Every structure is written in C-alpha cells, then in structure tokens.
Amino acid sequence: MITWKNLDTVSAYQELLKVAPVNLTEAMAGEGGAERVKKYSVPMAAGLAFNYAAKQVDGKALETFARLAEEMQLAEKFEALYNGEVINTGEKRMVLHHLTRGQLGEAVVADGVDKRGFYVEQQRKIAELANKVHSGEITNAAGEKFTTVVQIGIGGSDLGPRAMYLALENWARVNGTFKMEARFISNVDPDDAAAVLNTIDVERSLFVLVSKSGTTLETLTNESFVKDALKNAGLDASRHMIAVTSETSPLAKSDDYLAAFFMDDYIGGRFSSTSGVGGAVLSLAFGPEVFAQFLEGAAEEDKLACNRDILANPAMLDALIGVYERNVLGYQNTAVLPYSQALSRFPAHLQQLDMESNGKSVNRFGEPVEYSTGPVIFGEPGTNGQHSFYQLLHQGTDIIPLQFVGFRKNQMERDVVIQDSTSQQKLCANVAAQIVAFACGKADENRNKNFAGGRPSSIIAGEQLTPQALGALLSHFENKVMYQGFVWNINSFDQEGVQLGKVLAKKVLAHDTDGALKAYSDLLDI
C-alpha cells in the first residue's frame, strides 16, 4: 500500500542530513578521478550514459539514497502512476503522458476508452495527414504543396515542440527526412505573429492551432491574427489550419479546420511533446517515421525509470542527487548546459518542465512544507555560456549544480581541422575541461585568479543527437522531475500558479479594475 509522507518525516531523510559531501577537489584529482569517472556512470537508452562522477556523493550517500527511495516508495508510486491511479490530486486526474510512447503496465481505461489505444490512434491519424501533405494529396487551393508548418500555441504547446524541432532540424536535413520548415507563434505580443508571417509564404503554409481547452487567450488571439493574414491574402483559412485540442473543446468539430486531432486532460502541457501536441508539427516537419523513433527512445528510457535499483535507474538517481543538493547542501539553482547547438532551446523547455511542476510550497494535501522544493532552472548551450555566466558559476558566492549534455559526433557530420583539431573536438574538449575545472579548481596566490573548485556537475553523454537519443533525454528529465515531486510529497502535475495572472488580465481587459491594478492599467494605456 502506498503512503504519501513529507520528506522531513522519514528516517532516511534524517540519515541523509548527516551525509557529508565528497571533497571534489580531492576525489576528482589524478588517477583516482579517472577511476571515479569510469565507475560513477549509469547506462541510458539510445546509447546515452548518465555520469555523476563530479557530484559530491560516495558509496555512503548512494546507500542512503537507496533507503530514501525505498522508504518514499518511489518505484511503487511510479507504478501506480502508469497504471492509472489519480496522482494529480489537485485536479483529480490521472497522469498518462508515458502512455503516448508505450505501455509500461496494465491497460488504463478512462471514460470507457483504452487510453493507450486512444493515443496510438491519434498518432496514426496524424501520420496519415502528414503523409498526404508530403505526397501532395492535400494541397492549397492552387494545388501547390505546403512547404511550411506553423505551430500556434503557448507554454507546453510551444516550448517542448519548439525545442524538439530545433534539436532534430539539422539531423533531418542530413538524413534526408526534412519535409517542411517549422515556425512557432506563441507570445500574444503582435510582433511575434507578425515577424513569423513576414518571413513565410502564407499560401504554402499549414497552421497547427494547439489549445486543449480551445479557450487559451494568447493562442486564440494569435489564431485570429493568422486568419486575418490568410483572409487578406485571399485564402480560405479552413484549408490552411488544423487543430490539436480536446474532444470537448469548441475547436473539436469546427468547420474552420482541415482536421482535428485530440488530446486529453491526463497529459499536462509541459509533458505533451510525445502526444499530438508535438506529434503533429514534428510529423509534418520530419515525417511520421522520425517521430516514431523519437517515441521509441522515450519509451526505452521510461522502462529504465521503472527499475527499483537506483544504480540502474538514471532518472531516479539524478532526482535523488538533486534532492541531496537542494535539501541537505542548500543549493538553490541548477544550470542545464548542453554542448550541442541543436539543444539551444532545451533549457527553456526544462525551465517550464521543472519549475512549473515542482515550484510548490504545499504538499499534495494542501499543507505547507517545511523544506525546500524545486530549484531555479536556467541554461544556455556551451560554449556560448562560457563567455556569459560561467564567471559566476566558477567564482561566484553561490554554488550552482550543473547538468551538462554532450555528444561525441555532431549532427551534420561536417567539420574542419584548425590548429590540429576539429571544431567538434574543440567543443568536447571544452565540456571535459569545464567539468574538471569546476570540480578541482586551481589554487593561486592572487585571489582574483583563485578557483576554489568543489562545484558539482553531471553529464549525459552519447554518440550523436538522434531522434532516439532526444526521446531518451526528454524522458530522463520528465521522470527526474516526477521522482523529485514524489520525494517532496508535492503534486508535480498541476499549475495553479499560472492562473491568477490570467484572471487579473481578463479583469483589466474588461475595465473591471481599481487600486494598483487600475493604476498599472492607466500607466500602460489599456
């Protein structure tokens, strides 16, 4: 039987508070450091590996993590989640994003429908439409093929799909699977939509409107902006637009769309990249086969996340290390640093995934917690970040744990030798150097040039960023966030903090304001 307990009430947490952090400057030095790098590594799906040698943990810490995982019933809670228990207590919903890429346990039936079957059917319909668009069976009014797909959505309907598209764009070009260019409109700022519309051929563009409720203010506003542009170009908008929405939304059976594909309330926006929210735009851009490979990588990584042994479960281990850093060592932030330009928007996606999920101060029963929960997430690709905020990471007053991502081969397989090494070798040399520099530091009598070291990091490393590797990477972080939510006894699957601003914005637009709200409305001439 599963029991939900606050972190500070379990005995393993009291043990964890007594675990001293490893001295990284010593542990990572010399041959001992080399052996540590070889030993402290866990295989992931798609040829990836999670290496945590430069984290401040040792055998004693790992043993305590294992006891904490057992006492908090992490594996059992994940099993309950993928078997359809109502884990999202705030909204009284199941949490089913794992079912979009595979069946981990029992069949889950909701509203009289097998949910795995439902998600597979939506993927089949999306694939059918994408193939018809690519073959020219579905065209614009002039009989021309569509060349661009534009996703209109915000939050999880934008950040994840946009990050995934950018991650695979160059891979698809090199591997002959690039079908259509994708663009994204999200911000209600009219300059966002106008900028995209100014750079595309609207006559040969297909627009994907994504809104679960069919009432999202920013998305519907941008839809009107796009429809106006289509009308001004003398085009029938219904031949240029498809919808991804719920079956009960006003968009579901509207004649305004060429087709509609369905999602449901059991998949939160930030977890929706493997659903139709990501499936429509990625299948149109790269082909359904590439999207299927992406799902395959996520499904394989999900299977690893079921393992009860933390040394064979990279997501659970990463989560527990993060809890130790947050709740014992007191670190408030985490930097995500992909040494891959293709992952340029991946940190932005993880900001939402992590901070919207675990940015909570009450437990799943609505009671205040007496310990820290989710950290602040930020990041940029290397090596750009090195010339930006790494100064603070190396010598600032706060220690910020780091999560690197790196690949041995670049996606486009095009490079040049300069000064006896390729650009890719220089990139990999930089990430290796940074890990050691952060961990070991460098003593100098000049305090301005002294590096204290002791700055922890992990790296997820692989051969190349492929669709399977991207799926595995996405799954790893989704499951890490889930496990940390379980440890903190919070509901990682609602987002009430998003709602208040929306409500007040509607009051402003209705001119139903007073006090400071009216004053700010006047300041902005609303």
Protein backbone atom coordinates (compact mmCIF):
# COMPACT_ATOMS: atom_id res chain seq x y z
CA MET A 1 0.00 0.00 0.00
CA ILE A 2 1.30 3.43 -0.96
CA THR A 3 1.57 6.11 1.70
CA TRP A 4 2.35 9.74 0.97
CA LYS A 5 4.70 11.31 3.52
CA ASN A 6 6.51 14.61 3.80
CA LEU A 7 10.26 14.29 3.27
CA ASP A 8 11.15 15.52 6.75
CA THR A 9 9.07 12.81 8.44
CA VAL A 10 11.00 9.78 7.14
CA SER A 11 14.03 8.26 8.86
CA ALA A 12 16.14 8.03 5.69
CA TYR A 13 15.99 11.81 5.37
CA GLN A 14 17.38 12.21 8.87
CA GLU A 15 20.22 9.90 7.81
CA LEU A 16 20.71 11.95 4.65
CA LEU A 17 21.16 15.13 6.68
CA LYS A 18 24.23 13.52 8.29
CA VAL A 19 25.88 12.55 4.97
CA ALA A 20 28.91 14.78 4.36
CA PRO A 21 29.55 15.91 0.77
CA VAL A 22 32.57 14.49 -1.01
CA ASN A 23 35.55 16.80 -1.41
CA LEU A 24 35.57 17.05 -5.20
CA THR A 25 38.97 18.72 -5.45
CA GLU A 26 40.45 15.57 -3.92
CA ALA A 27 38.11 12.94 -5.35
CA MET A 28 38.47 14.11 -8.95
CA ALA A 29 42.24 14.56 -8.89
CA GLY A 30 44.76 12.22 -10.57
CA GLU A 31 44.14 8.54 -11.23
CA GLY A 32 41.53 8.42 -8.51
CA GLY A 33 39.49 10.90 -10.52
CA ALA A 34 39.93 8.81 -13.67
CA GLU A 35 38.66 5.70 -11.89
CA ARG A 36 35.74 7.65 -10.46
CA VAL A 37 34.67 8.80 -13.94
CA LYS A 38 34.66 5.17 -15.11
CA LYS A 39 32.77 3.90 -12.07
CA TYR A 40 30.13 6.56 -11.48
CA SER A 41 28.16 6.04 -14.68
CA VAL A 42 24.72 4.58 -15.45
CA PRO A 43 23.67 3.45 -18.97
CA MET A 44 20.66 5.13 -20.53
CA ALA A 45 18.61 4.34 -23.64
CA ALA A 46 19.83 5.15 -27.17
CA GLY A 47 23.47 4.76 -26.22
CA LEU A 48 23.46 7.61 -23.70
CA ALA A 49 25.02 7.46 -20.25
CA PHE A 50 24.42 9.46 -17.07
CA ASN A 51 27.81 10.17 -15.47
CA TYR A 52 27.77 11.61 -11.95
CA ALA A 53 31.46 11.30 -11.04
CA ALA A 54 31.71 15.05 -10.43
CA LYS A 55 28.82 15.06 -7.96
CA GLN A 56 29.55 15.29 -4.22
CA VAL A 57 28.44 11.74 -3.49
CA ASP A 58 30.10 8.47 -2.50
CA GLY A 59 29.07 4.96 -1.52
CA LYS A 60 27.58 6.07 1.78
CA ALA A 61 25.46 8.71 0.05
CA LEU A 62 24.28 6.19 -2.54
CA GLU A 63 23.28 3.73 0.17
CA THR A 64 21.27 6.45 1.90
CA PHE A 65 19.65 7.44 -1.41
CA ALA A 66 18.57 3.82 -1.87
CA ARG A 67 17.00 3.73 1.60
CA LEU A 68 15.22 7.02 0.92
CA ALA A 69 13.88 5.72 -2.40
CA GLU A 70 12.58 2.62 -0.67
CA GLU A 71 11.06 4.46 2.29
CA MET A 72 9.41 7.03 -0.01
CA GLN A 73 8.17 4.17 -2.25
CA LEU A 74 9.38 5.89 -5.41
CA ALA A 75 9.15 2.83 -7.66
CA GLU A 76 5.71 1.93 -6.30
CA LYS A 77 4.45 5.47 -6.89
CA PHE A 78 5.65 5.45 -10.49
CA GLU A 79 3.97 2.09 -10.99
CA ALA A 80 0.73 3.48 -9.58
CA LEU A 81 1.03 6.47 -11.91
CA TYR A 82 1.48 4.50 -15.13
CA ASN A 83 -1.24 2.05 -14.10
CA GLY A 84 -3.77 4.87 -13.94
CA GLU A 85 -4.05 5.90 -10.30
CA VAL A 86 -5.18 9.51 -9.73
CA ILE A 87 -1.78 11.05 -8.99
CA ASN A 88 -2.71 14.62 -9.96
CA THR A 89 -4.68 15.24 -6.77
CA GLY A 90 -5.10 18.97 -7.38
CA GLU A 91 -7.17 18.39 -10.50
CA LYS A 92 -8.25 14.83 -9.57
CA ARG A 93 -6.76 13.39 -12.74
CA MET A 94 -4.58 10.52 -13.85
CA VAL A 95 -1.15 11.28 -15.32
CA LEU A 96 -0.72 9.43 -18.61
CA HIS A 97 1.99 11.05 -20.77
CA HIS A 98 4.03 7.83 -20.59
CA LEU A 99 1.23 6.05 -22.48
CA THR A 100 1.85 8.21 -25.53
CA ARG A 101 5.06 6.27 -26.17
CA GLY A 102 4.46 2.83 -24.66
CA GLN A 103 2.59 0.55 -22.27
CA LEU A 104 4.58 0.12 -19.05
CA GLY A 105 1.95 -1.74 -17.07
CA GLU A 106 -1.73 -2.56 -17.08
CA ALA A 107 -4.26 -1.27 -19.58
CA VAL A 108 -5.61 2.10 -18.45
CA VAL A 109 -9.26 2.76 -19.23
CA ALA A 110 -10.84 6.18 -18.75
CA ASP A 111 -14.20 7.45 -19.97
CA GLY A 112 -14.77 3.99 -21.41
CA VAL A 113 -11.70 4.23 -23.64
CA ASP A 114 -8.40 2.34 -23.57
CA LYS A 115 -6.02 5.29 -23.31
CA ARG A 116 -3.01 3.65 -24.95
CA GLY A 117 -5.24 2.78 -27.89
CA PHE A 118 -6.55 6.35 -27.97
CA TYR A 119 -3.06 7.88 -28.15
CA VAL A 120 -1.91 5.40 -30.80
CA GLU A 121 -5.00 6.16 -32.89
CA GLN A 122 -4.30 9.90 -32.76
CA GLN A 123 -0.71 9.24 -33.83
CA ARG A 124 -1.99 7.12 -36.72
CA LYS A 125 -4.33 9.88 -37.87
CA ILE A 126 -1.56 12.47 -37.63
CA ALA A 127 0.77 10.23 -39.63
CA GLU A 128 -1.91 9.75 -42.29
CA LEU A 129 -2.41 13.51 -42.66
CA ALA A 130 1.34 14.19 -42.71
CA ASN A 131 1.88 11.60 -45.44
CA LYS A 132 -0.92 13.12 -47.53
CA VAL A 133 0.58 16.59 -47.14
CA HIS A 134 4.05 15.34 -48.10
CA SER A 135 2.76 13.42 -51.13
CA GLY A 136 0.71 16.35 -52.40
CA GLU A 137 -2.64 14.64 -51.85
CA ILE A 138 -3.52 17.55 -49.54
CA THR A 139 -2.55 20.90 -51.05
CA ASN A 140 -3.55 24.53 -51.03
CA ALA A 141 -6.30 25.86 -53.26
CA ALA A 142 -3.85 26.31 -56.16
CA GLY A 143 -2.80 22.66 -55.97
CA GLU A 144 0.63 23.55 -54.56
CA LYS A 145 2.35 21.57 -51.83
CA PHE A 146 2.63 23.06 -48.38
CA THR A 147 6.25 23.89 -47.54
CA THR A 148 5.94 25.36 -44.04
CA VAL A 149 4.14 24.31 -40.87
CA VAL A 150 3.49 26.94 -38.19
CA GLN A 151 2.55 25.90 -34.66
CA ILE A 152 0.32 28.35 -32.75
CA GLY A 153 0.38 27.61 -29.02
CA ILE A 154 1.89 28.77 -25.75
CA GLY A 155 3.57 27.19 -22.73
CA GLY A 156 3.81 23.44 -23.19
CA SER A 157 2.21 23.76 -26.62
CA ASP A 158 5.24 25.77 -27.72
CA LEU A 159 8.33 25.25 -25.56
CA GLY A 160 8.63 21.48 -25.85
CA PRO A 161 7.70 21.09 -29.54
CA ARG A 162 9.90 24.07 -30.48
CA ALA A 163 12.87 22.64 -28.57
CA MET A 164 12.36 19.20 -30.14
CA TYR A 165 12.07 20.66 -33.66
CA LEU A 166 15.27 22.65 -33.32
CA ALA A 167 17.01 19.62 -31.85
CA LEU A 168 16.26 17.50 -34.93
CA GLU A 169 16.18 20.04 -37.76
CA ASN A 170 19.79 19.61 -38.88
CA TRP A 171 19.76 15.85 -38.27
CA ALA A 172 16.72 15.56 -40.56
CA ARG A 173 18.35 17.66 -43.29
CA VAL A 174 21.46 15.46 -43.33
CA ASN A 175 19.49 12.21 -43.14
CA GLY A 176 17.05 13.08 -45.92
CA THR A 177 13.94 13.29 -43.75
CA PHE A 178 13.42 17.06 -43.73
CA LYS A 179 9.93 17.61 -45.17
CA MET A 180 8.75 21.07 -44.12
CA GLU A 181 10.22 24.02 -42.28
CA ALA A 182 8.51 24.67 -38.93
CA ARG A 183 7.92 28.03 -37.31
CA PHE A 184 6.28 28.87 -34.00
CA ILE A 185 3.98 31.64 -32.78
CA SER A 186 3.41 31.81 -29.02
CA ASN A 187 3.59 35.29 -27.49
CA VAL A 188 0.44 37.42 -27.54
CA ASP A 189 2.76 40.31 -28.42
CA PRO A 190 1.65 41.04 -32.01
CA ASP A 191 5.26 41.39 -33.08
CA ASP A 192 5.70 37.64 -32.62
CA ALA A 193 2.98 36.65 -35.10
CA ALA A 194 3.83 39.49 -37.46
CA ALA A 195 7.50 38.53 -37.56
CA VAL A 196 6.68 34.92 -38.49
CA LEU A 197 4.07 35.91 -41.08
CA ASN A 198 6.53 38.33 -42.69
CA THR A 199 9.04 35.55 -43.30
CA ILE A 200 6.83 32.78 -44.70
CA ASP A 201 4.75 32.19 -47.81
CA VAL A 202 1.28 32.04 -46.25
CA GLU A 203 -0.17 30.49 -49.40
CA ARG A 204 2.02 27.42 -48.85
CA SER A 205 1.82 27.32 -45.07
CA LEU A 206 -0.16 24.98 -42.85
CA PHE A 207 -1.01 26.25 -39.35
CA VAL A 208 -1.39 23.97 -36.33
CA LEU A 209 -3.52 25.52 -33.59
CA VAL A 210 -2.86 23.86 -30.22
CA SER A 211 -5.21 24.50 -27.31
CA LYS A 212 -6.57 21.76 -25.08
CA SER A 213 -9.49 23.85 -23.84
CA GLY A 214 -9.99 25.76 -27.08
CA THR A 215 -10.16 28.95 -24.98
CA THR A 216 -6.49 29.90 -24.40
CA LEU A 217 -6.40 33.71 -24.70
CA GLU A 218 -2.96 34.07 -26.30
CA THR A 219 -3.48 31.19 -28.72
CA LEU A 220 -6.91 32.29 -29.93
CA THR A 221 -5.66 35.85 -30.31
CA ASN A 222 -2.80 34.64 -32.49
CA GLU A 223 -5.18 32.41 -34.44
CA SER A 224 -7.26 35.50 -35.28
CA PHE A 225 -4.07 37.30 -36.30
CA VAL A 226 -3.19 34.45 -38.68
CA LYS A 227 -6.73 34.13 -40.05
CA ASP A 228 -6.71 37.83 -40.80
CA ALA A 229 -3.47 37.42 -42.75
CA LEU A 230 -4.92 34.48 -44.69
CA LYS A 231 -8.09 36.44 -45.48
CA ASN A 232 -6.07 39.43 -46.67
CA ALA A 233 -4.18 37.09 -48.99
CA GLY A 234 -7.48 35.88 -50.46
CA LEU A 235 -7.14 32.42 -48.89
CA ASP A 236 -9.68 30.12 -47.25
CA ALA A 237 -8.33 29.71 -43.70
CA SER A 238 -10.07 26.36 -43.24
CA ARG A 239 -7.79 24.86 -45.92
CA HIS A 240 -4.70 26.06 -44.09
CA MET A 241 -5.41 25.19 -40.45
CA ILE A 242 -5.56 22.06 -38.31
CA ALA A 243 -6.33 21.85 -34.60
CA VAL A 244 -4.89 19.83 -31.75
CA THR A 245 -7.41 20.05 -28.93
CA SER A 246 -9.64 18.04 -26.62
CA GLU A 247 -12.71 16.25 -27.91
CA THR A 248 -14.95 18.52 -25.81
CA SER A 249 -13.45 21.86 -26.87
CA PRO A 250 -15.24 24.25 -29.25
CA LEU A 251 -12.49 23.56 -31.82
CA ALA A 252 -13.13 19.82 -31.99
CA LYS A 253 -15.85 19.73 -34.62
CA SER A 254 -15.44 23.17 -36.16
CA ASP A 255 -15.53 23.64 -39.93
CA ASP A 256 -12.68 26.14 -39.52
CA TYR A 257 -10.08 23.34 -39.63
CA LEU A 258 -8.86 20.92 -42.22
CA ALA A 259 -8.55 18.28 -39.49
CA ALA A 260 -8.63 17.99 -35.70
CA PHE A 261 -6.52 15.70 -33.52
CA PHE A 262 -7.29 15.07 -29.90
CA MET A 263 -5.51 15.17 -26.55
CA ASP A 264 -7.00 14.88 -23.08
CA ASP A 265 -6.75 16.24 -19.55
CA TYR A 266 -4.47 13.42 -18.44
CA ILE A 267 -1.42 14.96 -20.15
CA GLY A 268 -0.15 18.30 -18.88
CA GLY A 269 1.17 20.76 -21.43
CA ARG A 270 4.79 20.53 -20.28
CA PHE A 271 4.61 16.73 -20.66
CA SER A 272 2.92 16.81 -24.07
CA SER A 273 5.82 16.72 -26.57
CA THR A 274 5.24 12.99 -27.18
CA SER A 275 1.48 13.48 -27.66
CA GLY A 276 -0.29 15.05 -30.62
CA VAL A 277 0.94 18.44 -29.38
CA GLY A 278 4.44 17.55 -30.53
CA GLY A 279 3.37 14.81 -32.90
CA ALA A 280 1.56 16.98 -35.44
CA VAL A 281 4.30 19.55 -36.00
CA LEU A 282 7.18 17.04 -35.81
CA SER A 283 5.48 14.55 -38.13
CA LEU A 284 4.79 17.29 -40.66
CA ALA A 285 8.32 18.66 -40.39
CA PHE A 286 10.29 15.39 -40.45
CA GLY A 287 7.86 12.61 -41.28
CA PRO A 288 5.95 10.20 -39.01
CA GLU A 289 8.84 7.71 -39.03
CA VAL A 290 11.16 10.19 -37.32
CA PHE A 291 8.52 11.00 -34.71
CA ALA A 292 8.14 7.25 -34.11
CA GLN A 293 11.91 6.97 -33.49
CA PHE A 294 11.66 9.83 -31.01
CA LEU A 295 8.87 7.98 -29.17
CA GLU A 296 10.94 4.79 -29.22
CA GLY A 297 13.82 6.48 -27.41
CA ALA A 298 11.46 7.90 -24.78
CA ALA A 299 9.78 4.52 -24.28
CA GLU A 300 13.11 2.74 -23.74
CA GLU A 301 14.18 5.33 -21.19
CA ASP A 302 10.80 5.03 -19.42
CA LYS A 303 11.48 1.30 -18.95
CA LEU A 304 14.75 2.11 -17.19
CA ALA A 305 12.87 4.52 -14.93
CA CYS A 306 10.86 1.55 -13.61
CA ASN A 307 13.96 -0.09 -12.10
CA ARG A 308 13.98 -0.29 -8.31
CA ASP A 309 17.79 -0.27 -8.20
CA ILE A 310 18.85 3.38 -8.23
CA LEU A 311 22.18 2.42 -9.84
CA ALA A 312 20.26 1.08 -12.83
CA ASN A 313 17.68 3.89 -12.89
CA PRO A 314 19.36 7.10 -14.12
CA ALA A 315 16.29 9.32 -13.67
CA MET A 316 15.72 8.23 -10.07
CA LEU A 317 19.42 8.57 -9.23
CA ASP A 318 19.60 12.04 -10.80
CA ALA A 319 16.48 13.03 -8.85
CA LEU A 320 17.89 11.85 -5.52
CA ILE A 321 21.21 13.61 -6.10
CA GLY A 322 19.19 16.75 -6.79
CA VAL A 323 17.23 16.32 -3.54
CA TYR A 324 20.51 15.94 -1.62
CA GLU A 325 21.85 19.12 -3.23
CA ARG A 326 18.65 21.06 -2.59
CA ASN A 327 17.68 19.87 0.89
CA VAL A 328 20.99 18.98 2.52
CA LEU A 329 23.59 21.13 0.77
CA GLY A 330 21.20 24.06 0.30
CA TYR A 331 21.84 24.75 -3.40
CA GLN A 332 19.03 26.87 -4.85
CA ASN A 333 19.64 26.67 -8.60
CA THR A 334 20.58 24.20 -11.32
CA ALA A 335 22.16 25.11 -14.66
CA VAL A 336 21.45 22.96 -17.72
CA LEU A 337 24.37 23.26 -20.15
CA PRO A 338 24.01 21.34 -23.44
CA TYR A 339 27.18 21.29 -25.53
CA SER A 340 25.08 20.99 -28.67
CA GLN A 341 23.70 23.95 -30.59
CA ALA A 342 20.74 21.79 -31.60
CA LEU A 343 19.64 21.82 -27.94
CA SER A 344 19.62 25.63 -27.81
CA ARG A 345 16.01 25.75 -26.55
CA PHE A 346 16.15 22.61 -24.41
CA PRO A 347 17.00 24.54 -21.22
CA ALA A 348 13.96 26.78 -21.80
CA HIS A 349 11.76 23.69 -22.04
CA LEU A 350 13.28 22.29 -18.84
CA GLN A 351 12.61 25.60 -17.08
CA GLN A 352 8.91 25.04 -17.58
CA LEU A 353 9.04 21.29 -17.03
CA ASP A 354 10.81 21.59 -13.69
CA MET A 355 9.68 24.94 -12.28
CA GLU A 356 6.02 24.63 -13.25
CA SER A 357 5.93 21.09 -11.87
CA ASN A 358 7.85 21.42 -8.62
CA GLY A 359 7.55 25.11 -7.82
CA LYS A 360 5.21 24.32 -4.92
CA SER A 361 5.19 25.25 -1.22
CA VAL A 362 2.34 22.97 -0.12
CA ASN A 363 2.22 19.19 -0.23
CA ARG A 364 -0.27 17.13 -2.20
CA PHE A 365 -2.78 17.56 0.66
CA GLY A 366 -2.53 21.36 0.61
CA GLU A 367 -0.40 21.58 3.76
CA PRO A 368 2.67 23.86 3.89
CA VAL A 369 6.00 22.04 3.70
CA GLU A 370 8.92 22.94 5.94
CA TYR A 371 11.66 22.20 3.40
CA SER A 372 12.78 23.49 0.02
CA THR A 373 11.28 22.08 -3.16
CA GLY A 374 12.07 22.77 -6.83
CA PRO A 375 15.22 24.72 -7.75
CA VAL A 376 15.52 27.57 -10.23
CA ILE A 377 16.49 26.15 -13.64
CA PHE A 378 18.41 28.11 -16.27
CA GLY A 379 20.91 27.42 -19.01
CA GLU A 380 22.44 28.09 -22.41
CA PRO A 381 24.38 25.97 -24.88
CA GLY A 382 28.13 25.61 -24.47
CA THR A 383 30.42 27.13 -25.48
CA ASN A 384 28.32 30.33 -25.61
CA GLY A 385 27.54 30.13 -21.90
CA GLN A 386 31.25 30.03 -21.08
CA HIS A 387 31.51 33.58 -22.39
CA SER A 388 28.41 34.66 -20.48
CA PHE A 389 27.52 33.44 -16.98
CA TYR A 390 30.25 30.85 -16.28
CA GLN A 391 32.18 33.53 -14.40
CA LEU A 392 29.56 33.36 -11.64
CA LEU A 393 29.44 29.56 -11.83
CA HIS A 394 33.21 29.33 -11.29
CA GLN A 395 33.87 32.11 -8.80
CA GLY A 396 30.54 33.41 -7.55
CA THR A 397 29.45 33.23 -3.92
CA ASP A 398 26.78 30.61 -4.63
CA ILE A 399 27.50 27.04 -5.69
CA ILE A 400 25.20 26.05 -8.55
CA PRO A 401 24.98 22.37 -9.57
CA LEU A 402 25.47 21.82 -13.29
CA GLN A 403 23.95 19.35 -15.73
CA PHE A 404 25.99 19.02 -18.91
CA VAL A 405 24.88 17.24 -22.08
CA GLY A 406 27.42 16.32 -24.75
CA PHE A 407 27.91 14.17 -27.85
CA ARG A 408 30.98 12.70 -29.47
CA LYS A 409 29.74 13.42 -33.01
CA ASN A 410 27.99 16.48 -34.40
CA GLN A 411 24.70 16.13 -36.27
CA MET A 412 25.62 17.47 -39.69
CA GLU A 413 28.89 15.49 -39.88
CA ARG A 414 30.59 18.48 -41.44
CA ASP A 415 33.72 19.87 -39.81
CA VAL A 416 37.14 21.32 -40.44
CA VAL A 417 40.57 20.83 -38.88
CA ILE A 418 42.03 24.03 -37.42
CA GLN A 419 45.18 24.01 -35.30
CA ASP A 420 45.35 20.20 -35.34
CA SER A 421 41.80 19.57 -34.09
CA THR A 422 38.26 19.70 -35.44
CA SER A 423 35.53 22.04 -34.19
CA GLN A 424 33.75 19.05 -32.60
CA GLN A 425 36.93 18.06 -30.78
CA LYS A 426 37.24 21.62 -29.51
CA LEU A 427 33.62 21.50 -28.32
CA CYS A 428 34.15 18.20 -26.48
CA ALA A 429 37.46 19.42 -25.07
CA ASN A 430 35.65 22.39 -23.59
CA VAL A 431 33.00 20.33 -21.81
CA ALA A 432 35.60 17.92 -20.40
CA ALA A 433 37.73 20.84 -19.24
CA GLN A 434 34.80 22.62 -17.63
CA ILE A 435 33.75 19.57 -15.59
CA VAL A 436 37.25 19.17 -14.16
CA ALA A 437 37.75 22.92 -13.70
CA PHE A 438 34.51 23.22 -11.74
CA ALA A 439 35.33 20.17 -9.61
CA CYS A 440 39.05 20.66 -8.97
CA GLY A 441 39.57 24.41 -9.31
CA LYS A 442 43.05 25.98 -9.35
CA ALA A 443 44.96 27.49 -6.44
CA ASP A 444 46.55 30.90 -6.96
CA GLU A 445 48.04 33.39 -4.53
CA ASN A 446 46.23 36.09 -6.48
CA ARG A 447 42.72 35.70 -5.01
CA ASN A 448 41.19 37.12 -8.16
CA LYS A 449 42.67 34.19 -10.09
CA ASN A 450 41.96 31.54 -7.47
CA PHE A 451 39.36 28.88 -8.24
CA ALA A 452 38.10 27.10 -5.13
CA GLY A 453 36.63 24.16 -7.06
CA GLY A 454 34.11 21.90 -5.37
CA ARG A 455 31.44 22.84 -7.90
CA PRO A 456 29.38 19.72 -8.68
CA SER A 457 28.20 18.59 -12.10
CA SER A 458 26.88 15.61 -14.02
CA ILE A 459 26.93 14.89 -17.74
CA ILE A 460 24.66 12.95 -20.03
CA ALA A 461 26.93 11.83 -22.87
CA GLY A 462 26.22 10.00 -26.11
CA GLU A 463 27.41 9.34 -29.63
CA GLN A 464 25.11 11.71 -31.53
CA LEU A 465 21.85 13.60 -31.01
CA THR A 466 19.43 11.40 -32.96
CA PRO A 467 15.63 11.16 -32.62
CA GLN A 468 16.03 8.18 -30.28
CA ALA A 469 18.62 9.99 -28.16
CA LEU A 470 16.40 13.07 -27.95
CA GLY A 471 13.46 10.95 -26.81
CA ALA A 472 15.61 9.33 -24.13
CA LEU A 473 16.90 12.71 -22.99
CA LEU A 474 13.37 14.11 -22.72
CA SER A 475 12.12 11.07 -20.80
CA HIS A 476 15.06 11.26 -18.38
CA PHE A 477 14.23 14.79 -17.30
CA GLU A 478 10.47 14.21 -17.21
CA ASN A 479 10.99 11.23 -14.91
CA LYS A 480 13.58 13.05 -12.80
CA VAL A 481 11.06 15.84 -12.14
CA MET A 482 8.38 13.27 -11.33
CA TYR A 483 10.59 11.46 -8.82
CA GLN A 484 11.61 14.68 -7.10
CA GLY A 485 7.95 15.59 -6.74
CA PHE A 486 7.34 12.21 -5.11
CA VAL A 487 10.21 12.77 -2.66
CA TRP A 488 8.94 16.25 -1.74
CA ASN A 489 5.36 14.92 -1.49
CA ILE A 490 4.05 17.61 -3.82
CA ASN A 491 1.74 17.41 -6.82
CA SER A 492 4.00 17.90 -9.85
CA PHE A 493 1.12 17.78 -12.31
CA ASP A 494 -1.00 20.88 -11.74
CA GLN A 495 -0.01 24.53 -12.12
CA GLU A 496 -2.31 26.77 -10.13
CA GLY A 497 0.40 29.44 -10.01
CA VAL A 498 -0.24 30.14 -13.69
CA GLN A 499 -3.88 31.04 -13.17
CA LEU A 500 -4.03 34.20 -11.04
CA GLY A 501 -2.34 36.45 -13.60
CA LYS A 502 -4.72 35.20 -16.30
CA VAL A 503 -7.74 36.05 -14.17
CA LEU A 504 -6.50 39.57 -13.42
CA ALA A 505 -5.59 40.17 -17.08
CA LYS A 506 -9.20 39.44 -18.04
CA LYS A 507 -10.38 41.97 -15.43
CA VAL A 508 -8.06 44.59 -16.94
CA LEU A 509 -9.38 43.95 -20.45
CA ALA A 510 -12.96 44.22 -19.12
CA HIS A 511 -12.00 47.53 -17.39
CA ASP A 512 -13.07 45.98 -14.10
CA THR A 513 -10.18 47.39 -12.06
CA ASP A 514 -9.38 49.52 -9.06
CA GLY A 515 -6.38 50.30 -6.86
CA ALA A 516 -2.94 49.32 -8.12
CA LEU A 517 -4.40 47.23 -10.94
CA LYS A 518 -6.17 50.29 -12.34
CA ALA A 519 -3.08 52.43 -11.88
CA TYR A 520 -0.92 50.00 -13.85
CA SER A 521 -3.66 49.74 -16.49
CA ASP A 522 -3.60 53.52 -16.85
CA LEU A 523 0.21 53.51 -17.00
CA LEU A 524 0.09 51.14 -19.95
CA ASP A 525 -2.91 52.91 -21.56
CA ILE A 526 -5.11 49.81 -21.66
